[in-house]
Amino acid sequence: MEALISQFTFLSDKALLDKDYDPFTIEDLMKLFEIESYKAWVAVELEQEKEVEAEITMQQAEDHFDWVMDNSLDDDDDDEFGHFEEELERMSKAETEMRYSEGAASSAIASSKVHSS
């Protein structure tokens, strides 16, 4: 396209300076501009179609992923996530109770030291 613009500039200057210039030369160049413009338009249209297809494919993949995740979490026979969640809760409660017991024991020791002094 840049070469066509350069050629058009050259021919335009020549048309202004040369009285014997053939105007059909610029017409031929304008046809080439039209062809190049059409090619660029088609390329943009194809690219846009590819983008739309990619978006559709991505949406289908996301929908499938969501379906798989929903089904894996809803499966009662093999509910690993639920078991994992329950185990984390048990561990959390045990740690909380242990820290509470340690805190209570530390308070009792500190309290007995204060009273014995």
N, C-alpha and C. Protein backbone atom coordinates (compact mmCIF):
# COMPACT_ATOMS: atom_id res chain seq x y z
N MET A 1 0.83 -1.18 0.00
CA MET A 1 0.00 0.00 0.00
C MET A 1 0.88 1.25 0.00
N GLU A 2 1.99 1.22 0.76
CA GLU A 2 2.89 2.37 0.79
C GLU A 2 3.51 2.62 -0.58
N ALA A 3 3.83 1.55 -1.29
CA ALA A 3 4.39 1.71 -2.63
C ALA A 3 3.37 2.37 -3.56
N LEU A 4 2.11 2.00 -3.40
CA LEU A 4 1.06 2.62 -4.23
C LEU A 4 0.92 4.11 -3.91
N ILE A 5 1.00 4.46 -2.64
CA ILE A 5 0.91 5.87 -2.26
C ILE A 5 2.09 6.65 -2.83
N SER A 6 3.26 6.06 -2.76
CA SER A 6 4.45 6.71 -3.32
C SER A 6 4.29 6.90 -4.83
N GLN A 7 3.81 5.88 -5.50
CA GLN A 7 3.59 5.96 -6.95
C GLN A 7 2.53 7.02 -7.27
N PHE A 8 1.48 7.08 -6.47
CA PHE A 8 0.43 8.07 -6.69
C PHE A 8 0.98 9.49 -6.53
N THR A 9 1.81 9.69 -5.51
CA THR A 9 2.43 11.00 -5.31
C THR A 9 3.29 11.39 -6.50
N PHE A 10 4.08 10.43 -6.98
CA PHE A 10 4.93 10.69 -8.14
C PHE A 10 4.10 11.05 -9.36
N LEU A 11 3.04 10.28 -9.63
CA LEU A 11 2.21 10.54 -10.80
C LEU A 11 1.43 11.85 -10.66
N SER A 12 1.02 12.18 -9.46
CA SER A 12 0.31 13.45 -9.24
C SER A 12 1.22 14.64 -9.54
N ASP A 13 2.45 14.56 -9.05
CA ASP A 13 3.41 15.63 -9.34
C ASP A 13 3.68 15.72 -10.83
N LYS A 14 3.82 14.58 -11.46
CA LYS A 14 4.07 14.56 -12.91
C LYS A 14 2.89 15.16 -13.67
N ALA A 15 1.66 14.86 -13.23
CA ALA A 15 0.47 15.39 -13.90
C ALA A 15 0.42 16.91 -13.79
N LEU A 16 0.88 17.46 -12.69
CA LEU A 16 0.87 18.91 -12.50
C LEU A 16 1.92 19.61 -13.36
N LEU A 17 3.03 18.95 -13.59
CA LEU A 17 4.14 19.58 -14.30
C LEU A 17 4.15 19.30 -15.80
N ASP A 18 3.62 18.16 -16.20
CA ASP A 18 3.70 17.74 -17.61
C ASP A 18 2.35 17.93 -18.28
N LYS A 19 2.32 18.77 -19.29
CA LYS A 19 1.06 19.04 -20.02
C LYS A 19 0.64 17.85 -20.88
N ASP A 20 1.57 17.00 -21.26
CA ASP A 20 1.26 15.85 -22.11
C ASP A 20 0.99 14.58 -21.29
N TYR A 21 0.79 14.73 -20.02
CA TYR A 21 0.57 13.59 -19.12
C TYR A 21 -0.73 12.87 -19.46
N ASP A 22 -0.67 11.53 -19.46
CA ASP A 22 -1.83 10.68 -19.76
C ASP A 22 -2.60 10.43 -18.45
N PRO A 23 -3.84 10.93 -18.32
CA PRO A 23 -4.62 10.76 -17.08
C PRO A 23 -5.03 9.32 -16.81
N PHE A 24 -4.99 8.47 -17.83
CA PHE A 24 -5.36 7.06 -17.63
C PHE A 24 -4.32 6.34 -16.77
N THR A 25 -3.12 6.90 -16.67
CA THR A 25 -2.09 6.30 -15.82
C THR A 25 -2.54 6.33 -14.36
N ILE A 26 -3.13 7.43 -13.94
CA ILE A 26 -3.63 7.53 -12.56
C ILE A 26 -4.85 6.64 -12.38
N GLU A 27 -5.66 6.49 -13.41
CA GLU A 27 -6.82 5.60 -13.32
C GLU A 27 -6.39 4.17 -13.04
N ASP A 28 -5.35 3.72 -13.75
CA ASP A 28 -4.83 2.37 -13.51
C ASP A 28 -4.34 2.23 -12.07
N LEU A 29 -3.68 3.26 -11.59
CA LEU A 29 -3.19 3.24 -10.22
C LEU A 29 -4.35 3.21 -9.22
N MET A 30 -5.41 3.94 -9.52
CA MET A 30 -6.59 3.94 -8.66
C MET A 30 -7.23 2.55 -8.61
N LYS A 31 -7.20 1.82 -9.71
CA LYS A 31 -7.71 0.44 -9.71
C LYS A 31 -6.87 -0.43 -8.78
N LEU A 32 -5.55 -0.21 -8.81
CA LEU A 32 -4.68 -0.97 -7.90
C LEU A 32 -4.99 -0.63 -6.44
N PHE A 33 -5.26 0.65 -6.16
CA PHE A 33 -5.68 1.06 -4.81
C PHE A 33 -6.95 0.32 -4.40
N GLU A 34 -7.89 0.24 -5.31
CA GLU A 34 -9.15 -0.44 -5.02
C GLU A 34 -8.92 -1.91 -4.70
N ILE A 35 -8.07 -2.55 -5.48
CA ILE A 35 -7.77 -3.97 -5.25
C ILE A 35 -7.09 -4.16 -3.89
N GLU A 36 -6.11 -3.32 -3.58
CA GLU A 36 -5.42 -3.42 -2.30
C GLU A 36 -6.36 -3.16 -1.12
N SER A 37 -7.23 -2.20 -1.29
CA SER A 37 -8.21 -1.90 -0.23
C SER A 37 -9.14 -3.08 -0.01
N TYR A 38 -9.57 -3.70 -1.08
CA TYR A 38 -10.45 -4.86 -0.96
C TYR A 38 -9.72 -6.01 -0.25
N LYS A 39 -8.46 -6.24 -0.61
CA LYS A 39 -7.68 -7.29 0.04
C LYS A 39 -7.56 -7.02 1.55
N ALA A 40 -7.30 -5.78 1.89
CA ALA A 40 -7.17 -5.42 3.31
C ALA A 40 -8.50 -5.62 4.03
N TRP A 41 -9.59 -5.25 3.39
CA TRP A 41 -10.92 -5.41 3.98
C TRP A 41 -11.22 -6.89 4.22
N VAL A 42 -10.92 -7.73 3.22
CA VAL A 42 -11.15 -9.17 3.35
C VAL A 42 -10.31 -9.73 4.49
N ALA A 43 -9.06 -9.29 4.59
CA ALA A 43 -8.19 -9.77 5.67
C ALA A 43 -8.75 -9.40 7.04
N VAL A 44 -9.28 -8.18 7.16
CA VAL A 44 -9.87 -7.75 8.43
C VAL A 44 -11.12 -8.57 8.74
N GLU A 45 -11.93 -8.83 7.73
CA GLU A 45 -13.14 -9.64 7.92
C GLU A 45 -12.78 -11.05 8.39
N LEU A 46 -11.77 -11.66 7.77
CA LEU A 46 -11.35 -13.00 8.16
C LEU A 46 -10.81 -13.01 9.59
N GLU A 47 -10.05 -12.01 9.94
CA GLU A 47 -9.52 -11.91 11.30
C GLU A 47 -10.66 -11.77 12.31
N GLN A 48 -11.65 -10.98 11.97
CA GLN A 48 -12.80 -10.79 12.86
C GLN A 48 -13.56 -12.10 13.02
N GLU A 49 -13.72 -12.85 11.94
CA GLU A 49 -14.40 -14.15 12.03
C GLU A 49 -13.62 -15.10 12.93
N LYS A 50 -12.29 -15.09 12.81
CA LYS A 50 -11.46 -15.95 13.66
C LYS A 50 -11.62 -15.58 15.13
N GLU A 51 -11.68 -14.28 15.40
CA GLU A 51 -11.87 -13.83 16.78
C GLU A 51 -13.21 -14.28 17.34
N VAL A 52 -14.25 -14.19 16.53
CA VAL A 52 -15.58 -14.62 16.97
C VAL A 52 -15.57 -16.12 17.24
N GLU A 53 -14.95 -16.90 16.34
CA GLU A 53 -14.87 -18.35 16.54
C GLU A 53 -14.08 -18.67 17.81
N ALA A 54 -13.00 -17.93 18.05
CA ALA A 54 -12.20 -18.16 19.26
C ALA A 54 -13.01 -17.84 20.52
N GLU A 55 -13.78 -16.78 20.48
CA GLU A 55 -14.62 -16.43 21.62
C GLU A 55 -15.67 -17.50 21.88
N ILE A 56 -16.27 -18.02 20.81
CA ILE A 56 -17.28 -19.08 20.96
C ILE A 56 -16.64 -20.32 21.55
N THR A 57 -15.47 -20.69 21.04
CA THR A 57 -14.76 -21.87 21.54
C THR A 57 -14.40 -21.69 23.01
N MET A 58 -13.94 -20.50 23.36
CA MET A 58 -13.58 -20.22 24.75
C MET A 58 -14.81 -20.31 25.65
N GLN A 59 -15.93 -19.79 25.21
CA GLN A 59 -17.15 -19.85 26.01
C GLN A 59 -17.59 -21.30 26.20
N GLN A 60 -17.49 -22.11 25.13
CA GLN A 60 -17.85 -23.52 25.23
C GLN A 60 -16.93 -24.23 26.22
N ALA A 61 -15.64 -23.91 26.18
CA ALA A 61 -14.69 -24.53 27.11
C ALA A 61 -15.00 -24.12 28.55
N GLU A 62 -15.32 -22.85 28.76
CA GLU A 62 -15.69 -22.40 30.11
C GLU A 62 -16.96 -23.08 30.59
N ASP A 63 -17.94 -23.20 29.71
CA ASP A 63 -19.18 -23.87 30.09
C ASP A 63 -18.92 -25.33 30.45
N HIS A 64 -18.08 -26.00 29.67
CA HIS A 64 -17.76 -27.40 29.95
C HIS A 64 -17.01 -27.51 31.28
N PHE A 65 -16.08 -26.61 31.51
CA PHE A 65 -15.33 -26.61 32.77
C PHE A 65 -16.27 -26.41 33.95
N ASP A 66 -17.18 -25.45 33.83
CA ASP A 66 -18.16 -25.22 34.90
C ASP A 66 -19.01 -26.46 35.14
N TRP A 67 -19.43 -27.12 34.06
CA TRP A 67 -20.24 -28.32 34.17
C TRP A 67 -19.46 -29.42 34.90
N VAL A 68 -18.19 -29.60 34.51
CA VAL A 68 -17.36 -30.63 35.14
C VAL A 68 -17.18 -30.32 36.63
N MET A 69 -16.90 -29.06 36.94
CA MET A 69 -16.71 -28.68 38.35
C MET A 69 -18.00 -28.88 39.15
N ASP A 70 -19.12 -28.48 38.59
CA ASP A 70 -20.40 -28.67 39.29
C ASP A 70 -20.68 -30.14 39.53
N ASN A 71 -20.44 -30.96 38.53
CA ASN A 71 -20.71 -32.39 38.67
C ASN A 71 -19.74 -33.05 39.64
N SER A 72 -18.50 -32.60 39.67
CA SER A 72 -17.55 -33.22 40.59
C SER A 72 -17.86 -32.84 42.03
N LEU A 73 -18.39 -31.65 42.25
CA LEU A 73 -18.74 -31.23 43.61
C LEU A 73 -20.07 -31.82 44.07
N ASP A 74 -20.95 -32.13 43.13
CA ASP A 74 -22.26 -32.67 43.47
C ASP A 74 -22.26 -34.19 43.62
N ASP A 75 -21.19 -34.85 43.25
CA ASP A 75 -21.13 -36.31 43.28
C ASP A 75 -21.07 -36.79 44.73
N ASP A 76 -22.15 -37.43 45.20
CA ASP A 76 -22.23 -37.88 46.60
C ASP A 76 -21.37 -39.10 46.87
N ASP A 77 -21.16 -39.97 45.86
CA ASP A 77 -20.40 -41.19 46.07
C ASP A 77 -18.92 -40.91 46.28
N ASP A 78 -18.42 -39.91 45.62
CA ASP A 78 -16.99 -39.66 45.65
C ASP A 78 -16.74 -38.19 45.97
N ASP A 79 -17.21 -37.75 47.11
CA ASP A 79 -17.16 -36.34 47.46
C ASP A 79 -15.85 -36.02 48.18
N GLU A 80 -14.76 -36.01 47.41
CA GLU A 80 -13.45 -35.76 47.99
C GLU A 80 -13.35 -34.35 48.55
N PHE A 81 -13.93 -33.40 47.86
CA PHE A 81 -13.86 -32.02 48.34
C PHE A 81 -14.53 -31.89 49.70
N GLY A 82 -15.68 -32.52 49.85
CA GLY A 82 -16.39 -32.47 51.13
C GLY A 82 -15.57 -33.09 52.25
N HIS A 83 -14.94 -34.24 51.96
CA HIS A 83 -14.09 -34.90 52.95
C HIS A 83 -12.90 -34.01 53.30
N PHE A 84 -12.32 -33.41 52.30
CA PHE A 84 -11.18 -32.52 52.52
C PHE A 84 -11.58 -31.33 53.39
N GLU A 85 -12.74 -30.77 53.09
CA GLU A 85 -13.24 -29.62 53.86
C GLU A 85 -13.50 -30.02 55.32
N GLU A 86 -14.10 -31.20 55.53
CA GLU A 86 -14.36 -31.68 56.89
C GLU A 86 -13.06 -31.90 57.65
N GLU A 87 -12.07 -32.47 56.97
CA GLU A 87 -10.78 -32.71 57.61
C GLU A 87 -10.11 -31.39 58.02
N LEU A 88 -10.20 -30.39 57.15
CA LEU A 88 -9.64 -29.08 57.49
C LEU A 88 -10.35 -28.47 58.70
N GLU A 89 -11.66 -28.62 58.77
CA GLU A 89 -12.41 -28.11 59.92
C GLU A 89 -11.99 -28.81 61.21
N ARG A 90 -11.84 -30.15 61.15
CA ARG A 90 -11.41 -30.91 62.34
C ARG A 90 -10.02 -30.45 62.79
N MET A 91 -9.12 -30.29 61.83
CA MET A 91 -7.76 -29.85 62.17
C MET A 91 -7.78 -28.45 62.78
N SER A 92 -8.59 -27.59 62.21
CA SER A 92 -8.69 -26.21 62.71
C SER A 92 -9.23 -26.19 64.14
N LYS A 93 -10.28 -26.99 64.41
CA LYS A 93 -10.85 -27.06 65.76
C LYS A 93 -9.83 -27.61 66.75
N ALA A 94 -9.11 -28.65 66.34
CA ALA A 94 -8.12 -29.25 67.23
C ALA A 94 -7.02 -28.25 67.55
N GLU A 95 -6.57 -27.50 66.55
CA GLU A 95 -5.52 -26.51 66.79
C GLU A 95 -6.03 -25.39 67.69
N THR A 96 -7.26 -24.96 67.46
CA THR A 96 -7.85 -23.91 68.30
C THR A 96 -7.95 -24.37 69.75
N GLU A 97 -8.43 -25.61 69.95
CA GLU A 97 -8.55 -26.15 71.31
C GLU A 97 -7.19 -26.27 71.98
N MET A 98 -6.18 -26.70 71.21
CA MET A 98 -4.84 -26.86 71.75
C MET A 98 -4.29 -25.49 72.17
N ARG A 99 -4.46 -24.49 71.31
CA ARG A 99 -3.95 -23.15 71.64
C ARG A 99 -4.72 -22.56 72.84
N TYR A 100 -6.01 -22.84 72.91
CA TYR A 100 -6.81 -22.36 74.03
C TYR A 100 -6.32 -23.01 75.32
N SER A 101 -6.06 -24.32 75.26
CA SER A 101 -5.56 -25.04 76.45
C SER A 101 -4.20 -24.50 76.87
N GLU A 102 -3.31 -24.26 75.90
CA GLU A 102 -1.99 -23.71 76.21
C GLU A 102 -2.13 -22.32 76.82
N GLY A 103 -3.04 -21.53 76.26
CA GLY A 103 -3.26 -20.17 76.78
C GLY A 103 -3.80 -20.21 78.19
N ALA A 104 -4.73 -21.12 78.45
CA ALA A 104 -5.31 -21.23 79.80
C ALA A 104 -4.25 -21.70 80.78
N ALA A 105 -3.41 -22.64 80.36
CA ALA A 105 -2.35 -23.14 81.24
C ALA A 105 -1.35 -22.03 81.53
N SER A 106 -0.99 -21.25 80.52
CA SER A 106 -0.05 -20.13 80.71
C SER A 106 -0.63 -19.10 81.65
N SER A 107 -1.92 -18.83 81.52
CA SER A 107 -2.58 -17.86 82.41
C SER A 107 -2.58 -18.36 83.84
N ALA A 108 -2.83 -19.66 84.01
CA ALA A 108 -2.85 -20.23 85.36
C ALA A 108 -1.47 -20.16 86.00
N ILE A 109 -0.44 -20.44 85.23
CA ILE A 109 0.93 -20.39 85.75
C ILE A 109 1.29 -18.96 86.12
N ALA A 110 0.96 -18.03 85.21
CA ALA A 110 1.26 -16.62 85.48
C ALA A 110 0.49 -16.13 86.70
N SER A 111 -0.73 -16.56 86.82
CA SER A 111 -1.57 -16.14 87.95
C SER A 111 -1.01 -16.69 89.26
N SER A 112 -0.55 -17.94 89.25
CA SER A 112 -0.02 -18.53 90.47
C SER A 112 1.30 -17.87 90.86
N LYS A 113 2.10 -17.42 89.89
CA LYS A 113 3.35 -16.73 90.20
C LYS A 113 3.07 -15.37 90.82
N VAL A 114 2.03 -14.70 90.34
CA VAL A 114 1.69 -13.38 90.87
C VAL A 114 1.20 -13.51 92.30
N HIS A 115 0.38 -14.53 92.59
CA HIS A 115 -0.17 -14.71 93.94
C HIS A 115 0.89 -15.21 94.92
N SER A 116 1.87 -15.95 94.45
CA SER A 116 2.88 -16.47 95.36
C SER A 116 3.92 -15.41 95.70
N SER A 117 4.04 -14.38 94.92
CA SER A 117 5.03 -13.33 95.20
C SER A 117 4.64 -12.42 96.29
